[in-house]
Protein backbone atom coordinates (compact mmCIF):
# COMPACT_ATOMS: atom_id res chain seq x y z
CA UNK A 1 0.00 0.00 0.00
CA UNK A 2 1.53 3.29 -1.16
CA UNK A 3 0.86 6.15 1.28
CA UNK A 4 1.04 8.83 -1.41
CA UNK A 5 -1.56 7.05 -3.55
CA UNK A 6 -3.83 6.65 -0.53
CA UNK A 7 -3.59 10.28 0.50
CA UNK A 8 -4.18 11.43 -3.07
CA UNK A 9 -7.27 9.22 -3.18
CA UNK A 10 -8.53 10.77 0.05
CA UNK A 11 -7.79 14.33 -1.06
CA UNK A 12 -11.13 14.75 -2.80
CA UNK A 13 -14.30 15.69 -0.90
CA UNK A 14 -16.52 13.36 -2.91
CA UNK A 15 -14.20 10.42 -2.29
CA UNK A 16 -14.21 11.16 1.45
CA UNK A 17 -18.01 11.26 1.31
CA UNK A 18 -18.01 7.91 -0.49
CA UNK A 19 -15.75 6.40 2.17
CA UNK A 20 -18.08 7.62 4.92
CA UNK A 21 -21.12 6.19 3.11
CA UNK A 22 -19.39 2.85 2.58
CA UNK A 23 -18.68 2.80 6.29
CA UNK A 24 -22.43 2.25 6.73
CA UNK A 25 -22.92 -0.53 4.15
CA UNK A 26 -22.15 -1.80 0.66
CA UNK A 27 -23.46 0.46 -2.08
CA UNK A 28 -23.75 0.43 -5.86
CA UNK A 29 -22.95 3.30 -8.22
CA UNK A 30 -26.61 4.37 -8.56
CA UNK A 31 -27.03 4.65 -4.78
CA UNK A 32 -23.89 6.75 -4.49
CA UNK A 33 -24.93 8.85 -7.49
CA UNK A 34 -28.30 9.58 -5.95
CA UNK A 35 -26.66 11.03 -2.85
CA UNK A 36 -23.73 12.82 -4.49
CA UNK A 37 -25.77 14.23 -7.41
CA UNK A 38 -23.01 13.31 -9.83
CA UNK A 39 -23.14 11.35 -13.08
CA UNK A 40 -22.59 7.60 -13.04
CA UNK A 41 -19.30 8.07 -14.89
CA UNK A 42 -18.01 10.58 -12.35
CA UNK A 43 -18.96 8.34 -9.43
CA UNK A 44 -17.29 5.42 -11.23
CA UNK A 45 -14.11 7.47 -11.67
CA UNK A 46 -14.05 8.27 -7.94
CA UNK A 47 -14.60 4.60 -7.12
CA UNK A 48 -11.76 3.59 -9.45
CA UNK A 49 -9.37 5.94 -7.64
CA UNK A 50 -10.39 4.53 -4.25
CA UNK A 51 -10.12 0.97 -5.56
CA UNK A 52 -6.69 1.60 -7.12
CA UNK A 53 -5.52 2.92 -3.75
CA UNK A 54 -6.69 -0.32 -2.13
CA UNK A 55 -9.27 1.41 0.06
CA UNK A 56 -12.37 -0.28 -1.36
CA UNK A 57 -13.33 -3.57 -2.96
CA UNK A 58 -16.07 -4.45 -5.40
CA UNK A 59 -18.11 -7.57 -6.02
CA UNK A 60 -20.61 -8.46 -8.69
CA UNK A 61 -24.14 -9.17 -7.46
CA UNK A 62 -26.47 -9.86 -10.37
CA UNK A 63 -26.74 -6.65 -12.37
CA UNK A 64 -25.09 -4.59 -9.65
CA UNK A 65 -21.50 -4.07 -8.63
CA UNK A 66 -21.37 -3.48 -4.90
CA UNK A 67 -18.60 -1.45 -3.33
CA UNK A 68 -17.40 -1.75 0.26
CA UNK A 69 -14.49 -0.76 2.43
CA UNK A 70 -11.47 -3.04 2.05
CA UNK A 71 -11.36 -5.22 5.15
CA UNK A 72 -8.80 -7.64 3.69
CA UNK A 73 -5.87 -5.36 4.23
CA UNK A 74 -5.34 -1.94 5.72
CA UNK A 75 -8.47 -2.24 7.92
CA UNK A 76 -6.71 -0.49 10.81
CA UNK A 77 -5.56 2.28 8.49
CA UNK A 78 -9.06 2.79 7.09
CA UNK A 79 -10.56 2.79 10.59
CA UNK A 80 -8.02 5.38 11.72
CA UNK A 81 -8.70 7.60 8.70
CA UNK A 82 -12.48 7.38 9.18
CA UNK A 83 -12.14 8.09 12.91
CA UNK A 84 -10.01 11.17 12.16
CA UNK A 85 -12.52 12.27 9.57
CA UNK A 86 -15.35 11.84 12.06
CA UNK A 87 -13.42 13.72 14.74
CA UNK A 88 -12.56 16.67 12.53
CA UNK A 89 -15.53 16.98 10.16
CA UNK A 90 -18.15 14.67 11.64
CA UNK A 91 -20.54 17.53 12.16
CA UNK A 92 -20.23 18.61 8.52
CA UNK A 93 -23.79 19.00 7.19
CA UNK A 94 -23.00 17.21 3.91
CA UNK A 95 -21.80 14.10 5.75
CA UNK A 96 -24.85 14.09 8.00
CA UNK A 97 -27.12 14.48 4.95
CA UNK A 98 -25.29 11.69 3.15
CA UNK A 99 -25.72 9.34 6.12
CA UNK A 100 -29.45 10.05 6.31
CA UNK A 101 -29.94 9.64 2.55
CA UNK A 102 -28.03 6.37 2.40
CA UNK A 103 -30.16 4.88 5.17
CA UNK A 104 -33.22 5.53 3.00
CA UNK A 105 -31.63 4.65 -0.37
CA UNK A 106 -33.42 1.81 -2.11
CA UNK A 107 -31.48 0.51 -5.11
CA UNK A 108 -34.58 -1.10 -6.59
CA UNK A 109 -36.24 2.30 -6.86
CA UNK A 110 -33.12 4.30 -7.74
CA UNK A 111 -31.31 1.98 -10.15
CA UNK A 112 -34.25 0.46 -11.96
CA UNK A 113 -35.71 3.80 -13.06
CA UNK A 114 -32.63 4.95 -14.96
C-alpha atoms as a PDB file:
ATOM      1  CA  UNK A   1       0.000   0.000   0.000  1.00  0.00           C
ATOM      2  CA  UNK A   2       1.529   3.287  -1.156  1.00  0.00           C
ATOM      3  CA  UNK A   3       0.858   6.148   1.285  1.00  0.00           C
ATOM      4  CA  UNK A   4       1.044   8.832  -1.414  1.00  0.00           C
ATOM      5  CA  UNK A   5      -1.561   7.048  -3.552  1.00  0.00           C
ATOM      6  CA  UNK A   6      -3.833   6.653  -0.530  1.00  0.00           C
ATOM      7  CA  UNK A   7      -3.588  10.283   0.503  1.00  0.00           C
ATOM      8  CA  UNK A   8      -4.181  11.433  -3.074  1.00  0.00           C
ATOM      9  CA  UNK A   9      -7.273   9.217  -3.180  1.00  0.00           C
ATOM     10  CA  UNK A  10      -8.530  10.770   0.046  1.00  0.00           C
ATOM     11  CA  UNK A  11      -7.785  14.335  -1.056  1.00  0.00           C
ATOM     12  CA  UNK A  12     -11.132  14.750  -2.803  1.00  0.00           C
ATOM     13  CA  UNK A  13     -14.301  15.693  -0.898  1.00  0.00           C
ATOM     14  CA  UNK A  14     -16.520  13.359  -2.906  1.00  0.00           C
ATOM     15  CA  UNK A  15     -14.195  10.423  -2.285  1.00  0.00           C
ATOM     16  CA  UNK A  16     -14.214  11.164   1.449  1.00  0.00           C
ATOM     17  CA  UNK A  17     -18.010  11.260   1.313  1.00  0.00           C
ATOM     18  CA  UNK A  18     -18.012   7.912  -0.494  1.00  0.00           C
ATOM     19  CA  UNK A  19     -15.752   6.405   2.171  1.00  0.00           C
ATOM     20  CA  UNK A  20     -18.083   7.619   4.921  1.00  0.00           C
ATOM     21  CA  UNK A  21     -21.118   6.186   3.110  1.00  0.00           C
ATOM     22  CA  UNK A  22     -19.388   2.845   2.583  1.00  0.00           C
ATOM     23  CA  UNK A  23     -18.680   2.797   6.289  1.00  0.00           C
ATOM     24  CA  UNK A  24     -22.428   2.255   6.731  1.00  0.00           C
ATOM     25  CA  UNK A  25     -22.917  -0.528   4.146  1.00  0.00           C
ATOM     26  CA  UNK A  26     -22.146  -1.800   0.657  1.00  0.00           C
ATOM     27  CA  UNK A  27     -23.458   0.463  -2.083  1.00  0.00           C
ATOM     28  CA  UNK A  28     -23.748   0.434  -5.859  1.00  0.00           C
ATOM     29  CA  UNK A  29     -22.953   3.299  -8.219  1.00  0.00           C
ATOM     30  CA  UNK A  30     -26.606   4.369  -8.558  1.00  0.00           C
ATOM     31  CA  UNK A  31     -27.035   4.651  -4.783  1.00  0.00           C
ATOM     32  CA  UNK A  32     -23.885   6.752  -4.493  1.00  0.00           C
ATOM     33  CA  UNK A  33     -24.929   8.848  -7.494  1.00  0.00           C
ATOM     34  CA  UNK A  34     -28.299   9.582  -5.951  1.00  0.00           C
ATOM     35  CA  UNK A  35     -26.656  11.031  -2.846  1.00  0.00           C
ATOM     36  CA  UNK A  36     -23.731  12.816  -4.495  1.00  0.00           C
ATOM     37  CA  UNK A  37     -25.773  14.226  -7.408  1.00  0.00           C
ATOM     38  CA  UNK A  38     -23.006  13.309  -9.829  1.00  0.00           C
ATOM     39  CA  UNK A  39     -23.143  11.351 -13.076  1.00  0.00           C
ATOM     40  CA  UNK A  40     -22.588   7.596 -13.044  1.00  0.00           C
ATOM     41  CA  UNK A  41     -19.304   8.067 -14.892  1.00  0.00           C
ATOM     42  CA  UNK A  42     -18.005  10.584 -12.351  1.00  0.00           C
ATOM     43  CA  UNK A  43     -18.956   8.335  -9.432  1.00  0.00           C
ATOM     44  CA  UNK A  44     -17.293   5.417 -11.229  1.00  0.00           C
ATOM     45  CA  UNK A  45     -14.113   7.473 -11.667  1.00  0.00           C
ATOM     46  CA  UNK A  46     -14.045   8.270  -7.944  1.00  0.00           C
ATOM     47  CA  UNK A  47     -14.604   4.600  -7.122  1.00  0.00           C
ATOM     48  CA  UNK A  48     -11.755   3.594  -9.454  1.00  0.00           C
ATOM     49  CA  UNK A  49      -9.367   5.945  -7.640  1.00  0.00           C
ATOM     50  CA  UNK A  50     -10.389   4.526  -4.249  1.00  0.00           C
ATOM     51  CA  UNK A  51     -10.117   0.967  -5.558  1.00  0.00           C
ATOM     52  CA  UNK A  52      -6.686   1.597  -7.116  1.00  0.00           C
ATOM     53  CA  UNK A  53      -5.517   2.917  -3.747  1.00  0.00           C
ATOM     54  CA  UNK A  54      -6.686  -0.320  -2.130  1.00  0.00           C
ATOM     55  CA  UNK A  55      -9.268   1.406   0.059  1.00  0.00           C
ATOM     56  CA  UNK A  56     -12.367  -0.283  -1.360  1.00  0.00           C
ATOM     57  CA  UNK A  57     -13.335  -3.574  -2.962  1.00  0.00           C
ATOM     58  CA  UNK A  58     -16.075  -4.449  -5.401  1.00  0.00           C
ATOM     59  CA  UNK A  59     -18.111  -7.573  -6.020  1.00  0.00           C
ATOM     60  CA  UNK A  60     -20.613  -8.456  -8.692  1.00  0.00           C
ATOM     61  CA  UNK A  61     -24.143  -9.171  -7.461  1.00  0.00           C
ATOM     62  CA  UNK A  62     -26.475  -9.860 -10.374  1.00  0.00           C
ATOM     63  CA  UNK A  63     -26.738  -6.649 -12.372  1.00  0.00           C
ATOM     64  CA  UNK A  64     -25.092  -4.585  -9.646  1.00  0.00           C
ATOM     65  CA  UNK A  65     -21.504  -4.073  -8.631  1.00  0.00           C
ATOM     66  CA  UNK A  66     -21.368  -3.476  -4.900  1.00  0.00           C
ATOM     67  CA  UNK A  67     -18.596  -1.450  -3.325  1.00  0.00           C
ATOM     68  CA  UNK A  68     -17.399  -1.747   0.258  1.00  0.00           C
ATOM     69  CA  UNK A  69     -14.487  -0.759   2.427  1.00  0.00           C
ATOM     70  CA  UNK A  70     -11.474  -3.038   2.051  1.00  0.00           C
ATOM     71  CA  UNK A  71     -11.364  -5.220   5.150  1.00  0.00           C
ATOM     72  CA  UNK A  72      -8.804  -7.639   3.687  1.00  0.00           C
ATOM     73  CA  UNK A  73      -5.869  -5.357   4.235  1.00  0.00           C
ATOM     74  CA  UNK A  74      -5.343  -1.936   5.724  1.00  0.00           C
ATOM     75  CA  UNK A  75      -8.465  -2.242   7.918  1.00  0.00           C
ATOM     76  CA  UNK A  76      -6.709  -0.493  10.808  1.00  0.00           C
ATOM     77  CA  UNK A  77      -5.565   2.279   8.495  1.00  0.00           C
ATOM     78  CA  UNK A  78      -9.062   2.793   7.090  1.00  0.00           C
ATOM     79  CA  UNK A  79     -10.557   2.788  10.593  1.00  0.00           C
ATOM     80  CA  UNK A  80      -8.024   5.382  11.725  1.00  0.00           C
ATOM     81  CA  UNK A  81      -8.705   7.604   8.704  1.00  0.00           C
ATOM     82  CA  UNK A  82     -12.483   7.378   9.182  1.00  0.00           C
ATOM     83  CA  UNK A  83     -12.141   8.091  12.910  1.00  0.00           C
ATOM     84  CA  UNK A  84     -10.005  11.166  12.159  1.00  0.00           C
ATOM     85  CA  UNK A  85     -12.519  12.267   9.573  1.00  0.00           C
ATOM     86  CA  UNK A  86     -15.351  11.837  12.064  1.00  0.00           C
ATOM     87  CA  UNK A  87     -13.418  13.719  14.738  1.00  0.00           C
ATOM     88  CA  UNK A  88     -12.559  16.673  12.525  1.00  0.00           C
ATOM     89  CA  UNK A  89     -15.526  16.981  10.155  1.00  0.00           C
ATOM     90  CA  UNK A  90     -18.147  14.666  11.638  1.00  0.00           C
ATOM     91  CA  UNK A  91     -20.543  17.533  12.157  1.00  0.00           C
ATOM     92  CA  UNK A  92     -20.229  18.612   8.521  1.00  0.00           C
ATOM     93  CA  UNK A  93     -23.792  19.005   7.191  1.00  0.00           C
ATOM     94  CA  UNK A  94     -22.997  17.214   3.906  1.00  0.00           C
ATOM     95  CA  UNK A  95     -21.797  14.100   5.748  1.00  0.00           C
ATOM     96  CA  UNK A  96     -24.855  14.091   7.996  1.00  0.00           C
ATOM     97  CA  UNK A  97     -27.124  14.485   4.952  1.00  0.00           C
ATOM     98  CA  UNK A  98     -25.293  11.687   3.149  1.00  0.00           C
ATOM     99  CA  UNK A  99     -25.725   9.336   6.117  1.00  0.00           C
ATOM    100  CA  UNK A 100     -29.447  10.047   6.310  1.00  0.00           C
ATOM    101  CA  UNK A 101     -29.936   9.638   2.545  1.00  0.00           C
ATOM    102  CA  UNK A 102     -28.025   6.366   2.401  1.00  0.00           C
ATOM    103  CA  UNK A 103     -30.163   4.878   5.171  1.00  0.00           C
ATOM    104  CA  UNK A 104     -33.224   5.527   2.996  1.00  0.00           C
ATOM    105  CA  UNK A 105     -31.632   4.652  -0.367  1.00  0.00           C
ATOM    106  CA  UNK A 106     -33.419   1.807  -2.112  1.00  0.00           C
ATOM    107  CA  UNK A 107     -31.481   0.509  -5.107  1.00  0.00           C
ATOM    108  CA  UNK A 108     -34.580  -1.101  -6.593  1.00  0.00           C
ATOM    109  CA  UNK A 109     -36.242   2.297  -6.865  1.00  0.00           C
ATOM    110  CA  UNK A 110     -33.124   4.297  -7.741  1.00  0.00           C
ATOM    111  CA  UNK A 111     -31.307   1.981 -10.153  1.00  0.00           C
ATOM    112  CA  UNK A 112     -34.253   0.459 -11.960  1.00  0.00           C
ATOM    113  CA  UNK A 113     -35.705   3.797 -13.057  1.00  0.00           C
ATOM    114  CA  UNK A 114     -32.632   4.950 -14.957  1.00  0.00           C
END
